[in-house]
Amino acid sequence: MSLDQLLVELTAHYRDRGFPDSALVHLRWTLVANTKDGNVRLATAYPNCSRRVESLLGHFKRCPPFSDYSLLASADAVFGFACGYRMKKWSNAPTSEADVRTNRLPGANNAVLAQQAQLLNLEHKLDLYLQFEIAHALSADTAFAFASSPKDQGTKDVACEFLAHAVSIGKKISKVVVVAHRYHFERCRLVLQGMNITGLPIRDQYSGFDSQESQPRAMSPEEMIVNDFASMAGMAPDA
């Protein structure tokens, strides 16, 4: 019974985030196939996704609506979180620091996110704090306040780097405009909320996919939703 309740909550949560029905069905059957004796076990890019179903009930909440885009002008900065990447050539260690530095390219997704960040900078004069794949996709004449370290890291670690830089220069950040893939935004917002920062969405969030994508979990809505579930489950308190 509790798995059925969780599936209902997940459907509402991910439908709010714009995921297509094909992704919702894929997540549903992935969880049905990988839940035994009330325990969900998944093998994803996020290690050790093993959680009791009961510990996840109530965690995947409905997403708050947002319509007042005039608030963007009052933000303290733009935080840009990357989506995927391309590679110059295939490697057996694509996430190693050496390979990330020499072999990783921004790709089409991050090129779009870079354009969105650049427009926000032009319109609202907001400082740009960008994950390095987005920063590398900016036009040469676009200045940014900070780019994350060129290494493979998750959303929370990138946000921590942004905040550490802001603290180092005495910049107070309590509200930011989040530039991210549409399917990634809500998780970014929740990570920032845990740091006492309000994350605001942009009006036209990008929801496309790169035909030459190299990061497995960013290749399709179906891949993204399962990996997002694993990451979100890791954020839930223990039952």
Protein backbone atom coordinates (compact mmCIF):
# COMPACT_ATOMS: atom_id res chain seq x y z
CA MET A 1 0.00 0.00 0.00
CA SER A 2 2.78 2.47 0.87
CA LEU A 3 4.42 1.96 -2.54
CA ASP A 4 1.12 2.84 -4.22
CA GLN A 5 0.95 6.02 -2.12
CA LEU A 6 4.52 6.92 -3.05
CA LEU A 7 3.80 6.40 -6.75
CA VAL A 8 0.81 8.76 -6.53
CA GLU A 9 2.95 11.41 -4.81
CA LEU A 10 5.73 10.98 -7.37
CA THR A 11 3.33 11.33 -10.28
CA ALA A 12 1.98 14.64 -8.96
CA HIS A 13 5.47 15.95 -8.13
CA TYR A 14 7.07 15.13 -11.47
CA ARG A 15 4.01 16.18 -13.47
CA ASP A 16 4.30 19.60 -11.77
CA ARG A 17 7.90 19.70 -13.01
CA GLY A 18 6.83 19.15 -16.61
CA PHE A 19 8.05 15.60 -17.18
CA PRO A 20 6.17 13.81 -19.99
CA ASP A 21 3.94 10.82 -19.34
CA SER A 22 6.54 8.50 -20.90
CA ALA A 23 8.99 9.45 -18.14
CA LEU A 24 6.34 9.07 -15.42
CA VAL A 25 5.52 5.56 -16.63
CA HIS A 26 9.22 4.68 -16.86
CA LEU A 27 9.82 5.80 -13.27
CA ARG A 28 6.76 3.93 -12.06
CA TRP A 29 7.82 0.59 -13.52
CA THR A 30 11.45 1.10 -12.54
CA LEU A 31 10.36 1.47 -8.92
CA VAL A 32 7.89 -1.41 -9.05
CA ALA A 33 10.66 -3.66 -10.43
CA ASN A 34 13.25 -2.50 -7.90
CA THR A 35 11.22 -2.46 -4.68
CA LYS A 36 11.26 -5.53 -2.49
CA ASP A 37 9.99 -5.92 1.07
CA GLY A 38 9.36 -2.18 1.30
CA ASN A 39 12.90 -1.21 0.26
CA VAL A 40 13.80 0.66 -2.95
CA ARG A 41 17.21 -0.21 -4.40
CA LEU A 42 18.44 1.52 -7.55
CA ALA A 43 21.76 1.51 -9.37
CA THR A 44 22.23 5.05 -10.71
CA ALA A 45 24.88 7.74 -10.97
CA TYR A 46 23.92 8.64 -7.38
CA PRO A 47 25.43 5.82 -5.26
CA ASN A 48 23.67 3.81 -2.61
CA CYS A 49 20.07 4.61 -3.46
CA SER A 50 18.58 2.24 -0.95
CA ARG A 51 15.66 3.67 0.99
CA ARG A 52 12.62 2.40 2.80
CA VAL A 53 9.44 3.39 1.00
CA GLU A 54 8.03 4.77 4.25
CA SER A 55 10.95 7.19 4.57
CA LEU A 56 10.03 8.76 1.21
CA LEU A 57 6.33 9.29 1.84
CA GLY A 58 5.57 13.02 1.95
CA HIS A 59 9.04 13.92 0.65
CA PHE A 60 8.10 14.44 -3.01
CA LYS A 61 5.75 17.39 -2.54
CA ARG A 62 3.77 19.38 -5.07
CA CYS A 63 5.82 22.18 -6.61
CA PRO A 64 4.89 25.76 -5.69
CA PRO A 65 3.45 27.84 -8.54
CA PHE A 66 5.30 30.95 -9.66
CA SER A 67 4.11 33.80 -11.87
CA ASP A 68 5.61 37.08 -10.58
CA TYR A 69 8.63 37.40 -12.86
CA SER A 70 9.12 41.01 -11.79
CA LEU A 71 10.85 39.53 -8.72
CA LEU A 72 13.80 38.50 -10.87
CA ALA A 73 15.08 42.07 -10.96
CA SER A 74 15.44 42.10 -7.16
CA ALA A 75 17.61 38.95 -7.01
CA ASP A 76 21.16 39.10 -5.71
CA ALA A 77 22.67 36.99 -8.49
CA VAL A 78 22.11 34.34 -11.14
CA PHE A 79 23.05 30.78 -10.22
CA GLY A 80 23.52 28.60 -13.31
CA PHE A 81 23.53 24.80 -12.96
CA ALA A 82 24.73 22.74 -15.93
CA CYS A 83 22.88 19.99 -17.76
CA GLY A 84 25.06 17.29 -19.27
CA TYR A 85 28.10 17.76 -21.51
CA ARG A 86 29.76 16.52 -24.68
CA MET A 87 33.19 14.92 -24.95
CA LYS A 88 35.95 15.50 -27.49
CA LYS A 89 36.54 11.75 -27.56
CA TRP A 90 35.20 8.79 -25.63
CA SER A 91 36.98 7.91 -22.42
CA ASN A 92 36.78 5.14 -19.83
CA ALA A 93 37.03 7.74 -17.05
CA PRO A 94 34.83 10.65 -18.21
CA THR A 95 34.31 12.01 -14.69
CA SER A 96 37.96 11.97 -13.58
CA GLU A 97 39.35 15.46 -12.93
CA ALA A 98 42.01 15.07 -15.62
CA ASP A 99 39.45 13.98 -18.21
CA VAL A 100 36.98 16.69 -17.25
CA ARG A 101 39.65 19.36 -17.74
CA THR A 102 40.90 18.10 -21.11
CA ASN A 103 38.02 16.24 -22.71
CA ARG A 104 34.74 17.86 -21.65
CA LEU A 105 32.79 20.26 -23.88
CA PRO A 106 29.73 22.30 -22.83
CA GLY A 107 27.36 20.82 -25.39
CA ALA A 108 24.09 22.14 -26.76
CA ASN A 109 22.17 22.15 -23.45
CA ASN A 110 24.70 24.36 -21.69
CA ALA A 111 24.97 26.65 -24.71
CA VAL A 112 21.27 27.45 -24.28
CA LEU A 113 21.67 27.91 -20.51
CA ALA A 114 24.61 30.26 -21.18
CA GLN A 115 22.43 32.37 -23.47
CA GLN A 116 19.73 32.57 -20.81
CA ALA A 117 22.25 33.64 -18.17
CA GLN A 118 23.70 36.25 -20.51
CA LEU A 119 20.25 37.74 -21.17
CA LEU A 120 19.54 37.98 -17.44
CA ASN A 121 22.85 39.78 -16.97
CA LEU A 122 21.98 42.25 -19.71
CA GLU A 123 18.41 42.84 -18.54
CA HIS A 124 18.86 42.94 -14.77
CA LYS A 125 22.62 43.52 -14.31
CA LEU A 126 22.86 40.43 -12.09
CA ASP A 127 26.20 38.81 -11.26
CA LEU A 128 26.61 35.42 -12.92
CA TYR A 129 27.64 32.44 -10.81
CA LEU A 130 27.91 29.55 -13.24
CA GLN A 131 28.80 25.89 -13.26
CA PHE A 132 31.90 25.72 -15.44
CA GLU A 133 30.22 23.98 -18.41
CA ILE A 134 27.88 26.98 -18.74
CA ALA A 135 30.68 29.49 -18.22
CA HIS A 136 32.69 27.84 -20.99
CA ALA A 137 29.72 28.25 -23.36
CA LEU A 138 29.44 32.03 -22.85
CA SER A 139 30.43 34.41 -25.60
CA ALA A 140 33.92 35.79 -25.11
CA ASP A 141 32.66 39.29 -24.27
CA THR A 142 30.38 38.19 -21.41
CA ALA A 143 31.80 38.71 -17.93
CA PHE A 144 30.84 36.46 -15.04
CA ALA A 145 31.43 36.75 -11.33
CA PHE A 146 32.43 33.15 -10.69
CA ALA A 147 32.72 29.76 -12.40
CA SER A 148 32.75 26.51 -10.45
CA SER A 149 35.80 24.30 -10.37
CA PRO A 150 36.31 22.27 -13.58
CA LYS A 151 35.44 18.92 -12.06
CA ASP A 152 32.47 16.58 -11.92
CA GLN A 153 30.27 17.49 -8.97
CA GLY A 154 26.65 17.60 -7.94
CA THR A 155 24.20 20.46 -7.54
CA LYS A 156 24.79 21.01 -3.82
CA ASP A 157 28.58 21.04 -4.16
CA VAL A 158 28.36 23.60 -6.97
CA ALA A 159 26.01 25.78 -4.90
CA CYS A 160 28.46 25.58 -1.98
CA GLU A 161 31.24 26.85 -4.24
CA PHE A 162 29.04 29.76 -5.36
CA LEU A 163 28.28 30.71 -1.77
CA ALA A 164 31.88 30.36 -0.63
CA HIS A 165 32.96 32.82 -3.31
CA ALA A 166 30.20 35.26 -2.37
CA VAL A 167 31.24 35.11 1.29
CA SER A 168 34.88 35.66 0.34
CA ILE A 169 34.05 38.98 -1.31
CA GLY A 170 31.46 40.07 1.26
CA LYS A 171 28.48 39.61 -1.03
CA LYS A 172 25.20 38.72 0.68
CA ILE A 173 23.03 36.27 -1.20
CA SER A 174 19.51 35.41 -0.09
CA LYS A 175 17.62 35.30 -3.41
CA VAL A 176 18.86 34.14 -6.82
CA VAL A 177 17.54 33.52 -10.29
CA VAL A 178 18.17 29.87 -11.14
CA VAL A 179 19.19 29.04 -14.69
CA ALA A 180 18.85 25.28 -15.14
CA HIS A 181 17.13 22.68 -17.28
CA ARG A 182 13.40 22.72 -16.62
CA TYR A 183 13.49 19.18 -15.22
CA HIS A 184 16.38 20.11 -12.90
CA PHE A 185 15.02 23.39 -11.55
CA GLU A 186 12.94 22.12 -8.63
CA ARG A 187 15.81 20.08 -7.21
CA CYS A 188 18.05 23.16 -7.50
CA ARG A 189 15.40 25.20 -5.71
CA LEU A 190 15.17 22.69 -2.88
CA VAL A 191 18.95 22.46 -2.49
CA LEU A 192 19.13 26.26 -2.24
CA GLN A 193 16.17 26.35 0.15
CA GLY A 194 18.18 24.13 2.46
CA MET A 195 20.84 26.87 2.42
CA ASN A 196 18.25 29.57 3.23
CA ILE A 197 18.32 30.92 -0.31
CA THR A 198 15.22 31.56 -2.41
CA GLY A 199 15.56 30.24 -5.97
CA LEU A 200 13.45 31.92 -8.66
CA PRO A 201 12.67 30.36 -12.06
CA ILE A 202 13.01 32.13 -15.39
CA ARG A 203 9.97 32.46 -17.65
CA ASP A 204 11.00 30.16 -20.52
CA GLN A 205 12.89 27.28 -18.97
CA TYR A 206 14.84 25.09 -21.39
CA SER A 207 13.54 21.53 -21.69
CA GLY A 208 15.39 20.19 -24.73
CA PHE A 209 17.96 17.41 -25.02
CA ASP A 210 21.27 17.28 -26.87
CA SER A 211 21.40 14.66 -29.64
CA GLN A 212 25.14 14.33 -28.99
CA GLU A 213 24.87 14.17 -25.19
CA SER A 214 27.61 12.22 -23.39
CA GLN A 215 26.23 12.16 -19.84
CA PRO A 216 23.93 9.12 -19.57
CA ARG A 217 21.51 10.65 -17.07
CA ALA A 218 20.93 13.70 -19.29
CA MET A 219 20.12 11.86 -22.52
CA SER A 220 16.34 11.71 -22.17
CA PRO A 221 13.45 12.53 -19.81
CA GLU A 222 13.29 8.83 -18.92
CA GLU A 223 16.94 8.71 -17.85
CA MET A 224 16.71 12.06 -16.09
CA ILE A 225 13.66 11.25 -13.99
CA VAL A 226 15.12 8.03 -12.54
CA ASN A 227 18.38 9.74 -11.62
CA ASP A 228 16.52 12.74 -10.22
CA PHE A 229 14.45 10.41 -8.07
CA ALA A 230 17.63 8.81 -6.70
CA SER A 231 19.12 12.21 -5.89
CA MET A 232 15.91 13.49 -4.32
CA ALA A 233 15.56 10.29 -2.29
CA GLY A 234 19.04 10.91 -0.94
CA MET A 235 17.86 14.30 0.33
CA ALA A 236 15.01 12.77 2.37
CA PRO A 237 15.44 12.45 6.14
CA ASP A 238 15.71 8.95 7.50
CA ALA A 239 12.45 7.45 8.65
